[in-house]
Amino acid sequence: MKIIQASNVMLTSPAHARLPHAPQFEDGSAFSGGKYSSYDDATVPMSDLGFTQADGAYDVVSASRGYFFRLEDHLNRFESSCERFRLTNPYTRSQTVEILTNLLKLAGTKDAYIWWAVTRGHMPDGNDRINPKAYENRFYAFVVPYLYIADDEKRTRGIDLQVSKKFIRIPANSVDPRAKNFHWMDLKLSLFEANDNKREWSVLCDADGYLTEAPGANIFFTKDGTLYTPDNGCLEGITRQTTLELAREIGMPIHEGRVHVDKLHGADEAFITSTAGGIMPINTVDGKVLGGADGPGKLVTQLHNLYWEKRWDGWLGTPVNYEGTVPSQS
């Protein structure tokens, strides 16, 4: 069984063909300050605390063949993230969906990466900083053509992964990792560390050497046919949830819990999961080839292919309504 060349399918299949769109939306579309614009022209005010203090919550849903994937799950997680950070979305759930749909209309993208956020925004009264209700929370969103952490070439041969030696994940009692947030410095520096060591992606542990997550992705591995993934110190990933459901569908035993990094080094197969790419095989961890042979293993290949086959059949999809016009501002 070979890895489905998902990005090539998206580029060449008529079912994925981009719809007509204005030239200014070729790179994508955006919503900022209550107005729609091209992705390149969107701005964030200097006074926004999302910009100056990384103070906000965000989420990312994808679309493929003109279907949102697990839209309600993403909306539920986003609302939970806002609640955990004491943020209030100025738009209702239905208004949020309308904005995201309008952005897809403008960009004409059937296969899309759809990002939105609520920031702490502006503080009108500088003397009331300790009151979360004193802030004017702000909403931002954008749509760009679908993004992959690992393209067809990397997924076919498997990613070379680095376990960070210099950095640990921000502790859960500092910033709740279950909520999707802007605190990425530990993740970003671990990526630079991986690059310095000629590796392609990274994964972080907690202070005790237990796996947490990779930048923008959850981590999985298999050993003797059992699927392992950490359940602490990591995002409540929607693709993670999807992977667990697929594993149950094919009868794989699952272990969710604290997992020490040593078990990853001794794994048969491993992969990361993300909205930006789905299920992405790992070939090496810290230079060691997993399972004794280069390339994705049987189980990860099966899960990878099942993920895309079911998605393209409309599984858990919400059709995007591309009809109608988009208002110039909300």
Protein backbone atom coordinates (compact mmCIF):
# COMPACT_ATOMS: atom_id res chain seq x y z
CA MET A 1 0.00 0.00 0.00
CA LYS A 2 1.35 3.41 -1.01
CA ILE A 3 0.74 6.82 0.53
CA ILE A 4 -2.01 8.69 -1.32
CA GLN A 5 -0.53 11.76 -3.02
CA ALA A 6 -3.12 14.06 -1.48
CA SER A 7 -1.60 17.38 -2.52
CA ASN A 8 -1.26 16.21 -6.13
CA VAL A 9 -4.90 15.13 -6.13
CA MET A 10 -5.91 18.56 -4.86
CA LEU A 11 -3.92 20.24 -7.64
CA THR A 12 -5.06 18.04 -10.53
CA SER A 13 -8.54 16.66 -9.82
CA PRO A 14 -11.51 18.60 -11.27
CA ALA A 15 -13.40 17.90 -8.02
CA HIS A 16 -10.89 20.17 -6.24
CA ALA A 17 -10.67 22.89 -8.89
CA ARG A 18 -10.66 26.42 -7.56
CA LEU A 19 -13.72 28.49 -8.38
CA PRO A 20 -13.57 31.86 -10.19
CA HIS A 21 -12.35 34.68 -7.95
CA ALA A 22 -11.15 38.25 -8.24
CA PRO A 23 -7.38 38.66 -8.83
CA GLN A 24 -6.82 40.40 -5.48
CA PHE A 25 -7.92 37.22 -3.68
CA GLU A 26 -5.43 34.93 -5.42
CA ASP A 27 -3.36 34.61 -2.22
CA GLY A 28 -6.46 34.45 -0.02
CA SER A 29 -9.05 36.57 1.75
CA ALA A 30 -9.28 38.14 5.20
CA PHE A 31 -11.65 39.74 7.70
CA SER A 32 -10.33 42.46 10.00
CA GLY A 33 -11.98 45.43 11.66
CA GLY A 34 -15.37 44.22 10.49
CA LYS A 35 -14.34 44.41 6.81
CA TYR A 36 -13.41 41.90 4.11
CA SER A 37 -10.19 42.39 2.20
CA SER A 38 -7.52 40.48 0.35
CA TYR A 39 -5.20 38.43 2.55
CA ASP A 40 -2.28 40.72 1.65
CA ASP A 41 -4.14 43.90 2.62
CA ALA A 42 -5.46 42.81 6.05
CA THR A 43 -4.12 44.68 9.08
CA VAL A 44 -4.08 44.44 12.89
CA PRO A 45 -4.12 47.70 14.92
CA MET A 46 -0.95 48.41 16.87
CA SER A 47 -3.05 48.77 20.04
CA ASP A 48 -4.40 45.21 19.79
CA LEU A 49 -3.12 43.12 22.69
CA GLY A 50 -3.19 40.06 20.48
CA PHE A 51 -0.29 41.72 18.66
CA THR A 52 1.59 43.29 21.58
CA GLN A 53 1.06 40.55 24.19
CA ALA A 54 0.16 37.37 22.24
CA ASP A 55 -3.19 37.57 24.03
CA GLY A 56 -5.80 35.61 22.13
CA ALA A 57 -7.30 32.29 21.15
CA TYR A 58 -7.58 30.93 17.63
CA ASP A 59 -8.64 27.89 15.65
CA VAL A 60 -8.12 26.42 12.21
CA VAL A 61 -10.56 24.34 10.21
CA SER A 62 -9.89 22.98 6.74
CA ALA A 63 -12.03 22.52 3.69
CA SER A 64 -11.56 19.98 0.93
CA ARG A 65 -13.68 19.48 -2.19
CA GLY A 66 -15.84 22.33 -0.91
CA TYR A 67 -16.64 20.76 2.47
CA PHE A 68 -15.68 22.07 5.89
CA PHE A 69 -14.23 19.16 7.88
CA ARG A 70 -15.63 18.74 11.41
CA LEU A 71 -16.75 22.36 11.52
CA GLU A 72 -18.91 21.96 14.63
CA ASP A 73 -16.03 20.31 16.51
CA HIS A 74 -13.74 23.21 15.65
CA LEU A 75 -16.35 25.76 16.69
CA ASN A 76 -16.89 23.93 19.98
CA ARG A 77 -13.16 23.88 20.68
CA PHE A 78 -12.83 27.56 19.80
CA GLU A 79 -15.61 28.52 22.17
CA SER A 80 -13.97 26.43 24.90
CA SER A 81 -10.62 28.16 24.25
CA CYS A 82 -12.24 31.59 24.56
CA GLU A 83 -13.89 30.56 27.81
CA ARG A 84 -10.61 29.30 29.27
CA PHE A 85 -8.89 32.58 28.40
CA ARG A 86 -11.86 34.75 29.43
CA LEU A 87 -12.39 36.09 25.93
CA THR A 88 -15.71 36.87 24.26
CA ASN A 89 -16.28 36.46 20.54
CA PRO A 90 -18.06 39.62 19.33
CA TYR A 91 -19.86 37.45 16.76
CA THR A 92 -22.34 34.65 17.35
CA ARG A 93 -21.60 31.12 16.16
CA SER A 94 -23.81 31.55 13.09
CA GLN A 95 -22.20 34.92 12.28
CA THR A 96 -18.75 33.33 12.62
CA VAL A 97 -19.70 30.60 10.14
CA GLU A 98 -21.09 33.25 7.79
CA ILE A 99 -17.79 35.17 7.88
CA LEU A 100 -15.74 32.02 7.22
CA THR A 101 -18.07 31.06 4.37
CA ASN A 102 -17.81 34.53 2.84
CA LEU A 103 -14.03 34.30 2.94
CA LEU A 104 -14.18 31.01 1.04
CA LYS A 105 -16.47 32.60 -1.54
CA LEU A 106 -14.05 35.47 -2.08
CA ALA A 107 -11.03 33.17 -2.43
CA GLY A 108 -12.91 30.55 -4.47
CA THR A 109 -10.98 27.81 -2.70
CA LYS A 110 -12.47 24.32 -2.37
CA ASP A 111 -9.32 23.15 -0.54
CA ALA A 112 -8.55 25.73 2.12
CA TYR A 113 -6.85 26.55 5.40
CA ILE A 114 -9.35 28.62 7.39
CA TRP A 115 -8.04 30.54 10.43
CA TRP A 116 -9.90 32.73 12.90
CA ALA A 117 -9.16 34.30 16.27
CA VAL A 118 -10.46 36.45 19.07
CA THR A 119 -7.89 38.70 20.74
CA ARG A 120 -8.05 40.67 23.96
CA GLY A 121 -8.18 43.65 21.64
CA HIS A 122 -8.23 47.20 22.85
CA MET A 123 -8.30 48.47 26.42
CA PRO A 124 -10.24 51.78 26.45
CA ASP A 125 -9.54 52.46 30.12
CA GLY A 126 -5.89 51.86 30.98
CA ASN A 127 -6.70 51.95 34.69
CA ASP A 128 -8.88 48.84 34.64
CA ARG A 129 -6.47 46.24 33.36
CA ILE A 130 -7.40 43.57 35.91
CA ASN A 131 -11.01 43.42 34.73
CA PRO A 132 -11.51 41.14 31.67
CA LYS A 133 -14.80 42.89 30.91
CA ALA A 134 -12.99 46.20 30.42
CA TYR A 135 -11.45 45.08 27.13
CA GLU A 136 -12.96 45.27 23.64
CA ASN A 137 -12.24 41.80 22.27
CA ARG A 138 -11.66 41.68 18.52
CA PHE A 139 -12.24 39.09 15.80
CA TYR A 140 -9.95 38.29 12.86
CA ALA A 141 -10.08 35.60 10.16
CA PHE A 142 -8.43 34.59 6.92
CA VAL A 143 -8.62 31.90 4.24
CA VAL A 144 -5.71 30.74 2.10
CA PRO A 145 -5.26 27.73 -0.18
CA TYR A 146 -4.72 24.52 1.79
CA LEU A 147 -1.41 24.25 3.65
CA TYR A 148 0.67 21.15 4.45
CA ILE A 149 3.24 20.77 7.22
CA ALA A 150 4.59 17.93 5.08
CA ASP A 151 3.97 17.77 1.33
CA ASP A 152 3.58 14.61 -0.77
CA GLU A 153 7.33 14.05 -1.00
CA LYS A 154 7.87 14.29 2.75
CA ARG A 155 4.84 12.17 3.60
CA THR A 156 5.90 9.49 1.12
CA ARG A 157 9.36 9.09 2.65
CA GLY A 158 8.48 10.18 6.21
CA ILE A 159 9.57 13.22 8.24
CA ASP A 160 12.91 13.35 10.07
CA LEU A 161 11.92 14.35 13.61
CA GLN A 162 14.00 15.97 16.35
CA VAL A 163 13.10 15.61 20.03
CA SER A 164 14.01 19.00 21.44
CA LYS A 165 16.96 18.91 23.85
CA LYS A 166 16.93 22.64 24.61
CA PHE A 167 13.26 23.38 25.18
CA ILE A 168 10.27 21.96 27.03
CA ARG A 169 6.60 22.69 26.41
CA ILE A 170 5.12 25.53 28.45
CA PRO A 171 3.63 23.83 31.54
CA ALA A 172 -0.12 23.30 31.50
CA ASN A 173 -0.52 25.26 34.73
CA SER A 174 1.06 28.27 33.01
CA VAL A 175 -0.79 28.30 29.67
CA ASP A 176 -3.51 25.72 29.13
CA PRO A 177 -2.42 23.77 26.01
CA ARG A 178 -5.94 22.43 25.46
CA ALA A 179 -6.84 25.92 24.22
CA LYS A 180 -5.31 26.93 20.90
CA ASN A 181 -3.22 30.00 21.67
CA PHE A 182 -0.53 32.37 20.42
CA HIS A 183 2.20 31.25 22.87
CA TRP A 184 4.47 29.61 20.31
CA MET A 185 7.99 30.63 21.32
CA ASP A 186 8.91 27.23 22.80
CA LEU A 187 7.50 25.51 19.70
CA LYS A 188 9.15 27.89 17.24
CA LEU A 189 12.59 27.70 18.89
CA SER A 190 12.40 23.90 18.86
CA LEU A 191 11.82 24.06 15.09
CA PHE A 192 14.93 26.21 14.68
CA GLU A 193 16.82 23.71 16.82
CA ALA A 194 15.63 20.90 14.54
CA ASN A 195 16.77 22.82 11.48
CA ASP A 196 20.19 23.38 13.05
CA ASN A 197 20.47 19.58 13.30
CA LYS A 198 19.26 19.05 9.71
CA ARG A 199 15.93 17.63 10.86
CA GLU A 200 12.54 18.63 9.46
CA TRP A 201 10.23 18.95 12.45
CA SER A 202 10.36 18.82 16.23
CA VAL A 203 8.49 17.47 19.23
CA LEU A 204 8.65 18.73 22.81
CA CYS A 205 8.49 16.96 26.16
CA ASP A 206 7.52 18.23 29.58
CA ALA A 207 10.05 18.79 32.38
CA ASP A 208 9.98 15.07 33.26
CA GLY A 209 10.66 13.75 29.77
CA TYR A 210 7.09 12.86 28.86
CA LEU A 211 5.89 13.64 25.35
CA THR A 212 3.54 16.59 24.87
CA GLU A 213 3.17 17.78 21.27
CA ALA A 214 4.88 18.98 18.14
CA PRO A 215 4.55 22.51 16.76
CA GLY A 216 1.03 22.69 15.38
CA ALA A 217 0.58 18.93 15.68
CA ASN A 218 -0.10 16.01 17.98
CA ILE A 219 2.29 13.05 18.19
CA PHE A 220 1.45 9.34 17.78
CA PHE A 221 3.48 6.14 17.55
CA THR A 222 2.86 2.42 17.35
CA LYS A 223 4.49 -0.47 19.16
CA ASP A 224 3.52 -4.10 18.55
CA GLY A 225 0.32 -2.98 16.85
CA THR A 226 -0.85 -0.65 19.65
CA LEU A 227 -1.32 3.06 19.03
CA TYR A 228 0.13 5.43 21.65
CA THR A 229 -0.47 9.16 22.10
CA PRO A 230 -0.05 11.54 25.07
CA ASP A 231 -3.18 12.91 26.68
CA ASN A 232 -1.55 15.68 28.72
CA GLY A 233 0.35 18.86 27.92
CA CYS A 234 -1.09 18.97 24.42
CA LEU A 235 -3.83 20.51 22.32
CA GLU A 236 -7.18 18.75 22.11
CA GLY A 237 -6.52 18.22 18.41
CA ILE A 238 -9.43 17.62 16.08
CA THR A 239 -7.21 15.60 13.72
CA ARG A 240 -6.00 13.75 16.82
CA GLN A 241 -9.63 12.92 17.63
CA THR A 242 -10.19 11.85 14.03
CA THR A 243 -7.14 9.59 14.11
CA LEU A 244 -8.34 7.85 17.26
CA GLU A 245 -11.72 7.25 15.62
CA LEU A 246 -10.05 5.80 12.51
CA ALA A 247 -7.81 3.58 14.64
CA ARG A 248 -10.86 2.17 16.43
CA GLU A 249 -12.53 1.62 13.06
CA ILE A 250 -9.69 -0.66 11.89
CA GLY A 251 -9.44 -2.39 15.28
CA MET A 252 -6.18 -0.94 16.59
CA PRO A 253 -5.66 -1.06 20.39
CA ILE A 254 -5.14 2.46 21.76
CA HIS A 255 -3.18 3.78 24.73
CA GLU A 256 -3.89 7.39 25.73
CA GLY A 257 -1.88 8.60 28.69
CA ARG A 258 1.48 9.87 29.84
CA VAL A 259 4.08 8.51 27.44
CA HIS A 260 7.81 8.82 28.08
CA VAL A 261 9.99 9.91 25.18
CA ASP A 262 12.05 6.71 25.46
CA LYS A 263 9.05 4.79 24.11
CA LEU A 264 9.03 6.97 21.01
CA HIS A 265 12.68 6.11 20.33
CA GLY A 266 11.75 2.42 20.44
CA ALA A 267 8.60 2.73 18.32
CA ASP A 268 7.78 0.68 15.23
CA GLU A 269 6.05 3.58 13.45
CA ALA A 270 5.25 7.20 14.29
CA PHE A 271 3.40 10.16 12.84
CA ILE A 272 2.11 13.62 13.63
CA THR A 273 -1.41 14.92 13.02
CA SER A 274 -2.65 18.40 12.17
CA THR A 275 -5.38 20.21 10.30
CA ALA A 276 -2.46 21.39 8.13
CA GLY A 277 -1.74 18.04 6.50
CA GLY A 278 -3.81 15.38 8.22
CA ILE A 279 -1.77 12.29 9.19
CA MET A 280 1.96 12.70 8.42
CA PRO A 281 4.39 9.78 8.76
CA ILE A 282 7.72 10.04 10.59
CA ASN A 283 10.75 8.20 9.23
CA THR A 284 13.43 8.95 11.84
CA VAL A 285 13.53 10.19 15.42
CA ASP A 286 16.84 11.84 16.39
CA GLY A 287 18.45 10.12 13.42
CA LYS A 288 17.15 6.61 14.20
CA VAL A 289 15.06 4.93 11.50
CA LEU A 290 11.89 3.59 13.08
CA GLY A 291 10.91 -0.03 12.53
CA GLY A 292 14.23 -0.91 10.93
CA ALA A 293 13.26 0.26 7.43
CA ASP A 294 12.97 3.62 5.69
CA GLY A 295 9.56 4.96 4.78
CA PRO A 296 6.07 4.92 6.30
CA GLY A 297 4.95 1.70 7.92
CA LYS A 298 1.84 -0.31 7.16
CA LEU A 299 -0.36 1.06 9.94
CA VAL A 300 0.37 4.75 9.42
CA THR A 301 -0.10 4.31 5.66
CA GLN A 302 -3.48 2.69 6.27
CA LEU A 303 -4.57 5.48 8.59
CA HIS A 304 -3.27 8.21 6.25
CA ASN A 305 -5.10 6.86 3.24
CA LEU A 306 -8.31 6.17 5.14
CA TYR A 307 -8.29 9.75 6.42
CA TRP A 308 -8.28 11.26 2.92
CA GLU A 309 -10.57 8.67 1.34
CA LYS A 310 -13.26 9.23 3.96
CA ARG A 311 -12.88 13.01 3.87
CA TRP A 312 -13.27 13.11 0.10
CA ASP A 313 -16.39 10.95 0.43
CA GLY A 314 -17.91 13.72 2.57
CA TRP A 315 -17.38 12.07 5.98
CA LEU A 316 -18.11 14.59 8.79
CA GLY A 317 -18.24 17.32 6.17
CA THR A 318 -20.40 20.45 5.98
CA PRO A 319 -20.93 21.70 2.42
CA VAL A 320 -19.78 25.27 1.78
CA ASN A 321 -22.39 27.50 0.15
CA TYR A 322 -20.45 29.38 -2.53
CA GLU A 323 -23.58 31.05 -3.90
CA GLY A 324 -24.48 34.69 -3.37
CA THR A 325 -22.51 37.88 -2.90
CA VAL A 326 -20.27 38.98 -0.05
CA PRO A 327 -20.98 42.30 1.70
CA SER A 328 -18.22 44.88 1.66
CA GLN A 329 -18.23 44.95 5.45
CA SER A 330 -19.96 43.24 8.40
